[in-house]
């Protein structure tokens, strides 16, 4: 992977967090272990569902729901090279493989 492709590294905004996909449940739902050590049921947003496949052990950014803290929306999935870079920089405490 070249350096130019690594430049577009998306980081979570305020209120968003990293998570690692544990299990695909079906439909557009997945179980994700978040970096606050909670396990949440997450919904894959339509925009992402049509653009990228999400598999087990993928690193994702999710936005927890305000009204149900045990649920969240997946808003981004990292490619393997970006996930490795984030792990080396120490951003993924508590959700390593």
PDB file of N, CA and C in Angstrom:
ATOM      1  N   UNK A   1       0.858  -1.184   0.000  1.00  0.00           N
ATOM      2  CA  UNK A   1       0.000   0.000   0.000  1.00  0.00           C
ATOM      3  C   UNK A   1       0.894   1.234   0.000  1.00  0.00           C
ATOM      4  N   UNK A   2       0.619   2.164  -0.885  1.00  0.00           N
ATOM      5  CA  UNK A   2       1.470   3.347  -0.974  1.00  0.00           C
ATOM      6  C   UNK A   2       1.039   4.417   0.021  1.00  0.00           C
ATOM      7  N   UNK A   3       1.903   5.392   0.220  1.00  0.00           N
ATOM      8  CA  UNK A   3       1.660   6.438   1.218  1.00  0.00           C
ATOM      9  C   UNK A   3       0.464   7.314   0.846  1.00  0.00           C
ATOM     10  N   UNK A   4       0.217   7.520  -0.436  1.00  0.00           N
ATOM     11  CA  UNK A   4      -0.898   8.376  -0.871  1.00  0.00           C
ATOM     12  C   UNK A   4      -2.240   7.784  -0.441  1.00  0.00           C
ATOM     13  N   UNK A   5      -2.359   6.466  -0.505  1.00  0.00           N
ATOM     14  CA  UNK A   5      -3.617   5.831  -0.111  1.00  0.00           C
ATOM     15  C   UNK A   5      -3.833   5.922   1.396  1.00  0.00           C
ATOM     16  N   UNK A   6      -2.759   5.993   2.170  1.00  0.00           N
ATOM     17  CA  UNK A   6      -2.885   6.099   3.620  1.00  0.00           C
ATOM     18  C   UNK A   6      -3.252   7.503   4.080  1.00  0.00           C
ATOM     19  N   UNK A   7      -3.125   8.499   3.196  1.00  0.00           N
ATOM     20  CA  UNK A   7      -3.406   9.869   3.609  1.00  0.00           C
ATOM     21  C   UNK A   7      -4.874  10.102   3.929  1.00  0.00           C
ATOM     22  N   UNK A   8      -5.781   9.360   3.295  1.00  0.00           N
ATOM     23  CA  UNK A   8      -7.203   9.570   3.541  1.00  0.00           C
ATOM     24  C   UNK A   8      -7.682   8.717   4.702  1.00  0.00           C
ATOM     25  N   UNK A   9      -7.056   8.873   5.844  1.00  0.00           N
ATOM     26  CA  UNK A   9      -7.386   8.105   7.040  1.00  0.00           C
ATOM     27  C   UNK A   9      -8.478   8.844   7.803  1.00  0.00           C
ATOM     28  N   UNK A  10      -9.646   8.258   7.881  1.00  0.00           N
ATOM     29  CA  UNK A  10     -10.787   8.884   8.540  1.00  0.00           C
ATOM     30  C   UNK A  10     -10.719   8.602  10.033  1.00  0.00           C
ATOM     31  N   UNK A  11     -10.868   9.643  10.844  1.00  0.00           N
ATOM     32  CA  UNK A  11     -10.863   9.481  12.295  1.00  0.00           C
ATOM     33  C   UNK A  11     -12.270   9.772  12.835  1.00  0.00           C
ATOM     34  N   UNK A  12     -12.625   9.158  13.973  1.00  0.00           N
ATOM     35  CA  UNK A  12     -13.962   9.406  14.523  1.00  0.00           C
ATOM     36  C   UNK A  12     -14.111  10.847  15.025  1.00  0.00           C
ATOM     37  N   UNK A  13     -15.286  11.412  14.791  1.00  0.00           N
ATOM     38  CA  UNK A  13     -15.598  12.744  15.304  1.00  0.00           C
ATOM     39  C   UNK A  13     -16.106  12.632  16.731  1.00  0.00           C
ATOM     40  N   UNK A  14     -16.488  13.760  17.305  1.00  0.00           N
ATOM     41  CA  UNK A  14     -17.071  13.798  18.644  1.00  0.00           C
ATOM     42  C   UNK A  14     -18.299  12.897  18.705  1.00  0.00           C
ATOM     43  N   UNK A  15     -18.368  12.035  19.698  1.00  0.00           N
ATOM     44  CA  UNK A  15     -19.522  11.158  19.849  1.00  0.00           C
ATOM     45  C   UNK A  15     -19.439   9.866  19.047  1.00  0.00           C
ATOM     46  N   UNK A  16     -18.376   9.677  18.275  1.00  0.00           N
ATOM     47  CA  UNK A  16     -18.187   8.445  17.506  1.00  0.00           C
ATOM     48  C   UNK A  16     -17.028   7.666  18.117  1.00  0.00           C
ATOM     49  N   UNK A  17     -16.958   6.368  17.814  1.00  0.00           N
ATOM     50  CA  UNK A  17     -15.888   5.549  18.386  1.00  0.00           C
ATOM     51  C   UNK A  17     -15.516   4.411  17.454  1.00  0.00           C
ATOM     52  N   UNK A  18     -14.364   3.806  17.745  1.00  0.00           N
ATOM     53  CA  UNK A  18     -13.924   2.628  17.006  1.00  0.00           C
ATOM     54  C   UNK A  18     -14.639   1.398  17.531  1.00  0.00           C
ATOM     55  N   UNK A  19     -14.755   0.391  16.663  1.00  0.00           N
ATOM     56  CA  UNK A  19     -15.302  -0.889  17.088  1.00  0.00           C
ATOM     57  C   UNK A  19     -14.783  -1.979  16.165  1.00  0.00           C
ATOM     58  N   UNK A  20     -14.829  -3.218  16.669  1.00  0.00           N
ATOM     59  CA  UNK A  20     -14.413  -4.362  15.861  1.00  0.00           C
ATOM     60  C   UNK A  20     -15.608  -5.295  15.723  1.00  0.00           C
ATOM     61  N   UNK A  21     -15.933  -5.666  14.480  1.00  0.00           N
ATOM     62  CA  UNK A  21     -17.096  -6.513  14.209  1.00  0.00           C
ATOM     63  C   UNK A  21     -16.842  -7.904  14.788  1.00  0.00           C
ATOM     64  N   UNK A  22     -17.769  -8.374  15.630  1.00  0.00           N
ATOM     65  CA  UNK A  22     -17.659  -9.706  16.220  1.00  0.00           C
ATOM     66  C   UNK A  22     -18.445 -10.712  15.389  1.00  0.00           C
ATOM     67  N   UNK A  23     -19.661 -10.335  15.013  1.00  0.00           N
ATOM     68  CA  UNK A  23     -20.540 -11.311  14.375  1.00  0.00           C
ATOM     69  C   UNK A  23     -21.533 -10.605  13.460  1.00  0.00           C
ATOM     70  N   UNK A  24     -21.806 -11.204  12.308  1.00  0.00           N
ATOM     71  CA  UNK A  24     -22.849 -10.713  11.417  1.00  0.00           C
ATOM     72  C   UNK A  24     -24.151 -11.407  11.819  1.00  0.00           C
ATOM     73  N   UNK A  25     -25.177 -10.638  12.145  1.00  0.00           N
ATOM     74  CA  UNK A  25     -26.414 -11.214  12.657  1.00  0.00           C
ATOM     75  C   UNK A  25     -27.408 -11.499  11.541  1.00  0.00           C
ATOM     76  N   UNK A  26     -27.399 -10.681  10.502  1.00  0.00           N
ATOM     77  CA  UNK A  26     -28.352 -10.860   9.418  1.00  0.00           C
ATOM     78  C   UNK A  26     -29.048  -9.552   9.125  1.00  0.00           C
ATOM     79  N   UNK A  27     -29.615  -9.445   7.941  1.00  0.00           N
ATOM     80  CA  UNK A  27     -30.185  -8.166   7.538  1.00  0.00           C
ATOM     81  C   UNK A  27     -29.059  -7.165   7.440  1.00  0.00           C
ATOM     82  N   UNK A  28     -29.232  -6.028   8.069  1.00  0.00           N
ATOM     83  CA  UNK A  28     -28.143  -5.042   8.084  1.00  0.00           C
ATOM     84  C   UNK A  28     -27.629  -4.839   9.507  1.00  0.00           C
ATOM     85  N   UNK A  29     -27.714  -5.876  10.336  1.00  0.00           N
ATOM     86  CA  UNK A  29     -27.271  -5.788  11.731  1.00  0.00           C
ATOM     87  C   UNK A  29     -26.009  -6.601  11.973  1.00  0.00           C
ATOM     88  N   UNK A  30     -25.138  -6.057  12.830  1.00  0.00           N
ATOM     89  CA  UNK A  30     -23.918  -6.747  13.239  1.00  0.00           C
ATOM     90  C   UNK A  30     -23.694  -6.507  14.730  1.00  0.00           C
ATOM     91  N   UNK A  31     -22.950  -7.412  15.365  1.00  0.00           N
ATOM     92  CA  UNK A  31     -22.548  -7.239  16.759  1.00  0.00           C
ATOM     93  C   UNK A  31     -21.117  -6.702  16.742  1.00  0.00           C
ATOM     94  N   UNK A  32     -20.893  -5.596  17.485  1.00  0.00           N
ATOM     95  CA  UNK A  32     -19.599  -4.922  17.461  1.00  0.00           C
ATOM     96  C   UNK A  32     -19.102  -4.717  18.883  1.00  0.00           C
ATOM     97  N   UNK A  33     -17.793  -4.994  19.102  1.00  0.00           N
ATOM     98  CA  UNK A  33     -17.158  -4.676  20.383  1.00  0.00           C
ATOM     99  C   UNK A  33     -16.529  -3.297  20.241  1.00  0.00           C
ATOM    100  N   UNK A  34     -16.972  -2.375  21.079  1.00  0.00           N
ATOM    101  CA  UNK A  34     -16.545  -0.979  20.971  1.00  0.00           C
ATOM    102  C   UNK A  34     -15.326  -0.711  21.849  1.00  0.00           C
ATOM    103  N   UNK A  35     -14.649   0.430  21.607  1.00  0.00           N
ATOM    104  CA  UNK A  35     -13.459   0.716  22.404  1.00  0.00           C
ATOM    105  C   UNK A  35     -13.794   1.276  23.781  1.00  0.00           C
ATOM    106  N   UNK A  36     -15.087   1.368  24.157  1.00  0.00           N
ATOM    107  CA  UNK A  36     -15.441   1.647  25.550  1.00  0.00           C
ATOM    108  C   UNK A  36     -15.811   0.344  26.272  1.00  0.00           C
ATOM    109  N   UNK A  37     -15.394  -0.799  25.714  1.00  0.00           N
ATOM    110  CA  UNK A  37     -15.596  -2.170  26.216  1.00  0.00           C
ATOM    111  C   UNK A  37     -17.033  -2.648  26.230  1.00  0.00           C
ATOM    112  N   UNK A  38     -17.946  -1.929  25.605  1.00  0.00           N
ATOM    113  CA  UNK A  38     -19.322  -2.407  25.490  1.00  0.00           C
ATOM    114  C   UNK A  38     -19.480  -3.178  24.185  1.00  0.00           C
ATOM    115  N   UNK A  39     -20.433  -4.112  24.195  1.00  0.00           N
ATOM    116  CA  UNK A  39     -20.788  -4.825  22.968  1.00  0.00           C
ATOM    117  C   UNK A  39     -22.134  -4.286  22.528  1.00  0.00           C
ATOM    118  N   UNK A  40     -22.207  -3.773  21.309  1.00  0.00           N
ATOM    119  CA  UNK A  40     -23.433  -3.141  20.824  1.00  0.00           C
ATOM    120  C   UNK A  40     -23.949  -3.851  19.579  1.00  0.00           C
ATOM    121  N   UNK A  41     -25.263  -3.780  19.389  1.00  0.00           N
ATOM    122  CA  UNK A  41     -25.881  -4.195  18.136  1.00  0.00           C
ATOM    123  C   UNK A  41     -25.861  -2.981  17.223  1.00  0.00           C
ATOM    124  N   UNK A  42     -25.250  -3.132  16.063  1.00  0.00           N
ATOM    125  CA  UNK A  42     -25.098  -1.989  15.162  1.00  0.00           C
ATOM    126  C   UNK A  42     -25.823  -2.235  13.857  1.00  0.00           C
ATOM    127  N   UNK A  43     -26.309  -1.145  13.297  1.00  0.00           N
ATOM    128  CA  UNK A  43     -26.985  -1.190  12.008  1.00  0.00           C
ATOM    129  C   UNK A  43     -26.043  -0.605  10.966  1.00  0.00           C
ATOM    130  N   UNK A  44     -25.947  -1.285   9.827  1.00  0.00           N
ATOM    131  CA  UNK A  44     -25.121  -0.770   8.742  1.00  0.00           C
ATOM    132  C   UNK A  44     -25.950   0.261   7.985  1.00  0.00           C
ATOM    133  N   UNK A  45     -25.491   1.490   7.963  1.00  0.00           N
ATOM    134  CA  UNK A  45     -26.233   2.544   7.264  1.00  0.00           C
ATOM    135  C   UNK A  45     -26.342   2.241   5.783  1.00  0.00           C
ATOM    136  N   UNK A  46     -27.431   2.655   5.172  1.00  0.00           N
ATOM    137  CA  UNK A  46     -27.697   2.350   3.769  1.00  0.00           C
ATOM    138  C   UNK A  46     -26.605   2.781   2.819  1.00  0.00           C
ATOM    139  N   UNK A  47     -26.013   3.957   3.082  1.00  0.00           N
ATOM    140  CA  UNK A  47     -24.969   4.480   2.220  1.00  0.00           C
ATOM    141  C   UNK A  47     -23.772   3.523   2.185  1.00  0.00           C
ATOM    142  N   UNK A  48     -23.435   2.963   3.331  1.00  0.00           N
ATOM    143  CA  UNK A  48     -22.303   2.037   3.409  1.00  0.00           C
ATOM    144  C   UNK A  48     -22.681   0.664   2.892  1.00  0.00           C
ATOM    145  N   UNK A  49     -23.918   0.232   3.189  1.00  0.00           N
ATOM    146  CA  UNK A  49     -24.370  -1.104   2.807  1.00  0.00           C
ATOM    147  C   UNK A  49     -24.236  -1.317   1.302  1.00  0.00           C
ATOM    148  N   UNK A  50     -24.487  -0.270   0.540  1.00  0.00           N
ATOM    149  CA  UNK A  50     -24.411  -0.393  -0.912  1.00  0.00           C
ATOM    150  C   UNK A  50     -22.988  -0.271  -1.440  1.00  0.00           C
ATOM    151  N   UNK A  51     -22.084   0.332  -0.645  1.00  0.00           N
ATOM    152  CA  UNK A  51     -20.744   0.606  -1.143  1.00  0.00           C
ATOM    153  C   UNK A  51     -19.669  -0.376  -0.707  1.00  0.00           C
ATOM    154  N   UNK A  52     -19.760  -0.905   0.503  1.00  0.00           N
ATOM    155  CA  UNK A  52     -18.679  -1.766   0.987  1.00  0.00           C
ATOM    156  C   UNK A  52     -19.216  -2.932   1.801  1.00  0.00           C
ATOM    157  N   UNK A  53     -18.578  -4.086   1.651  1.00  0.00           N
ATOM    158  CA  UNK A  53     -18.943  -5.275   2.415  1.00  0.00           C
ATOM    159  C   UNK A  53     -18.313  -5.187   3.791  1.00  0.00           C
ATOM    160  N   UNK A  54     -19.054  -5.603   4.793  1.00  0.00           N
ATOM    161  CA  UNK A  54     -18.519  -5.650   6.155  1.00  0.00           C
ATOM    162  C   UNK A  54     -18.429  -7.106   6.569  1.00  0.00           C
ATOM    163  N   UNK A  55     -17.251  -7.508   7.057  1.00  0.00           N
ATOM    164  CA  UNK A  55     -17.003  -8.893   7.455  1.00  0.00           C
ATOM    165  C   UNK A  55     -16.591  -8.934   8.925  1.00  0.00           C
ATOM    166  N   UNK A  56     -16.535 -10.146   9.492  1.00  0.00           N
ATOM    167  CA  UNK A  56     -16.083 -10.290  10.879  1.00  0.00           C
ATOM    168  C   UNK A  56     -14.647  -9.813  11.006  1.00  0.00           C
ATOM    169  N   UNK A  57     -14.328  -9.240  12.144  1.00  0.00           N
ATOM    170  CA  UNK A  57     -13.010  -8.681  12.488  1.00  0.00           C
ATOM    171  C   UNK A  57     -12.676  -7.380  11.767  1.00  0.00           C
ATOM    172  N   UNK A  58     -13.597  -6.812  11.000  1.00  0.00           N
ATOM    173  CA  UNK A  58     -13.343  -5.514  10.376  1.00  0.00           C
ATOM    174  C   UNK A  58     -13.345  -4.422  11.440  1.00  0.00           C
ATOM    175  N   UNK A  59     -12.499  -3.415  11.238  1.00  0.00           N
ATOM    176  CA  UNK A  59     -12.472  -2.252  12.112  1.00  0.00           C
ATOM    177  C   UNK A  59     -13.433  -1.216  11.535  1.00  0.00           C
ATOM    178  N   UNK A  60     -14.313  -0.677  12.381  1.00  0.00           N
ATOM    179  CA  UNK A  60     -15.331   0.265  11.914  1.00  0.00           C
ATOM    180  C   UNK A  60     -15.387   1.471  12.849  1.00  0.00           C
ATOM    181  N   UNK A  61     -15.986   2.561  12.346  1.00  0.00           N
ATOM    182  CA  UNK A  61     -16.364   3.688  13.193  1.00  0.00           C
ATOM    183  C   UNK A  61     -17.867   3.598  13.375  1.00  0.00           C
ATOM    184  N   UNK A  62     -18.320   3.786  14.620  1.00  0.00           N
ATOM    185  CA  UNK A  62     -19.753   3.739  14.859  1.00  0.00           C
ATOM    186  C   UNK A  62     -20.189   4.926  15.692  1.00  0.00           C
ATOM    187  N   UNK A  63     -21.469   5.264  15.531  1.00  0.00           N
ATOM    188  CA  UNK A  63     -22.062   6.376  16.266  1.00  0.00           C
ATOM    189  C   UNK A  63     -23.181   5.817  17.139  1.00  0.00           C
ATOM    190  N   UNK A  64     -22.973   5.755  18.478  1.00  0.00           N
ATOM    191  CA  UNK A  64     -24.026   5.236  19.359  1.00  0.00           C
ATOM    192  C   UNK A  64     -25.276   6.109  19.300  1.00  0.00           C
ATOM    193  N   UNK A  65     -26.426   5.457  19.412  1.00  0.00           N
ATOM    194  CA  UNK A  65     -27.690   6.180  19.411  1.00  0.00           C
ATOM    195  C   UNK A  65     -27.841   6.925  20.724  1.00  0.00           C
ATOM    196  N   UNK A  66     -28.432   8.133  20.666  1.00  0.00           N
ATOM    197  CA  UNK A  66     -28.656   8.932  21.875  1.00  0.00           C
ATOM    198  C   UNK A  66     -29.691   8.284  22.787  1.00  0.00           C
ATOM    199  N   UNK A  67     -30.718   7.689  22.197  1.00  0.00           N
ATOM    200  CA  UNK A  67     -31.860   7.213  22.974  1.00  0.00           C
ATOM    201  C   UNK A  67     -31.751   5.742  23.371  1.00  0.00           C
ATOM    202  N   UNK A  68     -30.827   4.989  22.787  1.00  0.00           N
ATOM    203  CA  UNK A  68     -30.577   3.594  23.165  1.00  0.00           C
ATOM    204  C   UNK A  68     -29.078   3.374  23.097  1.00  0.00           C
ATOM    205  N   UNK A  69     -28.404   3.422  24.236  1.00  0.00           N
ATOM    206  CA  UNK A  69     -26.933   3.403  24.208  1.00  0.00           C
ATOM    207  C   UNK A  69     -26.352   2.047  23.829  1.00  0.00           C
ATOM    208  N   UNK A  70     -27.168   0.980  23.814  1.00  0.00           N
ATOM    209  CA  UNK A  70     -26.640  -0.331  23.435  1.00  0.00           C
ATOM    210  C   UNK A  70     -26.762  -0.578  21.933  1.00  0.00           C
ATOM    211  N   UNK A  71     -27.178   0.436  21.168  1.00  0.00           N
ATOM    212  CA  UNK A  71     -27.277   0.319  19.715  1.00  0.00           C
ATOM    213  C   UNK A  71     -26.507   1.463  19.069  1.00  0.00           C
ATOM    214  N   UNK A  72     -26.122   1.234  17.803  1.00  0.00           N
ATOM    215  CA  UNK A  72     -25.322   2.249  17.105  1.00  0.00           C
ATOM    216  C   UNK A  72     -25.459   2.068  15.606  1.00  0.00           C
ATOM    217  N   UNK A  73     -25.016   3.068  14.868  1.00  0.00           N
ATOM    218  CA  UNK A  73     -24.942   3.009  13.409  1.00  0.00           C
ATOM    219  C   UNK A  73     -23.481   2.891  13.003  1.00  0.00           C
ATOM    220  N   UNK A  74     -23.186   1.992  12.063  1.00  0.00           N
ATOM    221  CA  UNK A  74     -21.841   1.910  11.502  1.00  0.00           C
ATOM    222  C   UNK A  74     -21.749   2.959  10.402  1.00  0.00           C
ATOM    223  N   UNK A  75     -20.738   3.819  10.489  1.00  0.00           N
ATOM    224  CA  UNK A  75     -20.640   4.888   9.507  1.00  0.00           C
ATOM    225  C   UNK A  75     -19.376   4.811   8.658  1.00  0.00           C
ATOM    226  N   UNK A  76     -18.432   3.926   9.004  1.00  0.00           N
ATOM    227  CA  UNK A  76     -17.220   3.808   8.197  1.00  0.00           C
ATOM    228  C   UNK A  76     -16.569   2.458   8.467  1.00  0.00           C
ATOM    229  N   UNK A  77     -15.964   1.861   7.427  1.00  0.00           N
ATOM    230  CA  UNK A  77     -15.180   0.634   7.589  1.00  0.00           C
ATOM    231  C   UNK A  77     -13.780   0.889   7.067  1.00  0.00           C
ATOM    232  N   UNK A  78     -12.784   0.454   7.831  1.00  0.00           N
ATOM    233  CA  UNK A  78     -11.388   0.644   7.435  1.00  0.00           C
ATOM    234  C   UNK A  78     -10.892  -0.515   6.593  1.00  0.00           C
ATOM    235  N   UNK A  79     -10.000  -0.212   5.649  1.00  0.00           N
ATOM    236  CA  UNK A  79      -9.281  -1.271   4.950  1.00  0.00           C
ATOM    237  C   UNK A  79      -8.188  -1.769   5.886  1.00  0.00           C
ATOM    238  N   UNK A  80      -7.621  -2.932   5.593  1.00  0.00           N
ATOM    239  CA  UNK A  80      -6.653  -3.568   6.494  1.00  0.00           C
ATOM    240  C   UNK A  80      -5.437  -2.680   6.771  1.00  0.00           C
ATOM    241  N   UNK A  81      -4.943  -1.989   5.756  1.00  0.00           N
ATOM    242  CA  UNK A  81      -3.743  -1.162   5.946  1.00  0.00           C
ATOM    243  C   UNK A  81      -4.008  -0.025   6.926  1.00  0.00           C
ATOM    244  N   UNK A  82      -5.176   0.601   6.839  1.00  0.00           N
ATOM    245  CA  UNK A  82      -5.514   1.680   7.769  1.00  0.00           C
ATOM    246  C   UNK A  82      -5.699   1.134   9.175  1.00  0.00           C
ATOM    247  N   UNK A  83      -6.335  -0.043   9.293  1.00  0.00           N
ATOM    248  CA  UNK A  83      -6.544  -0.653  10.606  1.00  0.00           C
ATOM    249  C   UNK A  83      -5.196  -0.949  11.265  1.00  0.00           C
ATOM    250  N   UNK A  84      -4.237  -1.461  10.499  1.00  0.00           N
ATOM    251  CA  UNK A  84      -2.905  -1.740  11.045  1.00  0.00           C
ATOM    252  C   UNK A  84      -2.221  -0.456  11.509  1.00  0.00           C
ATOM    253  N   UNK A  85      -2.349   0.592  10.715  1.00  0.00           N
ATOM    254  CA  UNK A  85      -1.738   1.882  11.068  1.00  0.00           C
ATOM    255  C   UNK A  85      -2.329   2.425  12.366  1.00  0.00           C
ATOM    256  N   UNK A  86      -3.664   2.354  12.519  1.00  0.00           N
ATOM    257  CA  UNK A  86      -4.312   2.832  13.743  1.00  0.00           C
ATOM    258  C   UNK A  86      -3.883   2.003  14.952  1.00  0.00           C
ATOM    259  N   UNK A  87      -3.710   0.704  14.740  1.00  0.00           N
ATOM    260  CA  UNK A  87      -3.286  -0.171  15.840  1.00  0.00           C
ATOM    261  C   UNK A  87      -1.858   0.169  16.281  1.00  0.00           C
ATOM    262  N   UNK A  88      -0.988   0.450  15.314  1.00  0.00           N
ATOM    263  CA  UNK A  88       0.396   0.821  15.637  1.00  0.00           C
ATOM    264  C   UNK A  88       0.451   2.145  16.390  1.00  0.00           C
ATOM    265  N   UNK A  89      -0.463   3.065  16.062  1.00  0.00           N
ATOM    266  CA  UNK A  89      -0.479   4.369  16.722  1.00  0.00           C
ATOM    267  C   UNK A  89      -1.165   4.320  18.085  1.00  0.00           C
ATOM    268  N   UNK A  90      -1.749   3.158  18.442  1.00  0.00           N
ATOM    269  CA  UNK A  90      -2.319   3.002  19.777  1.00  0.00           C
ATOM    270  C   UNK A  90      -3.732   3.534  19.943  1.00  0.00           C
ATOM    271  N   UNK A  91      -4.489   3.691  18.864  1.00  0.00           N
ATOM    272  CA  UNK A  91      -5.861   4.190  18.961  1.00  0.00           C
ATOM    273  C   UNK A  91      -6.857   3.111  19.366  1.00  0.00           C
ATOM    274  N   UNK A  92      -6.476   1.823  19.247  1.00  0.00           N
ATOM    275  CA  UNK A  92      -7.441   0.738  19.387  1.00  0.00           C
ATOM    276  C   UNK A  92      -7.318   0.000  20.714  1.00  0.00           C
ATOM    277  N   UNK A  93      -7.263   0.714  21.807  1.00  0.00           N
ATOM    278  CA  UNK A  93      -7.154   0.085  23.126  1.00  0.00           C
ATOM    279  C   UNK A  93      -8.418  -0.706  23.427  1.00  0.00           C
ATOM    280  N   UNK A  94      -8.267  -1.961  23.797  1.00  0.00           N
ATOM    281  CA  UNK A  94      -9.411  -2.764  24.243  1.00  0.00           C
ATOM    282  C   UNK A  94     -10.202  -3.465  23.165  1.00  0.00           C
ATOM    283  N   UNK A  95      -9.872  -3.249  21.887  1.00  0.00           N
ATOM    284  CA  UNK A  95     -10.651  -3.929  20.839  1.00  0.00           C
ATOM    285  C   UNK A  95      -9.760  -4.682  19.858  1.00  0.00           C
ATOM    286  N   UNK A  96      -8.548  -5.016  20.285  1.00  0.00           N
ATOM    287  CA  UNK A  96      -7.652  -5.744  19.385  1.00  0.00           C
ATOM    288  C   UNK A  96      -8.202  -7.134  19.097  1.00  0.00           C
ATOM    289  N   UNK A  97      -7.720  -7.691  17.993  1.00  0.00           N
ATOM    290  CA  UNK A  97      -8.228  -8.986  17.528  1.00  0.00           C
ATOM    291  C   UNK A  97      -8.108 -10.068  18.585  1.00  0.00           C
TER     292      UNK A  97
END
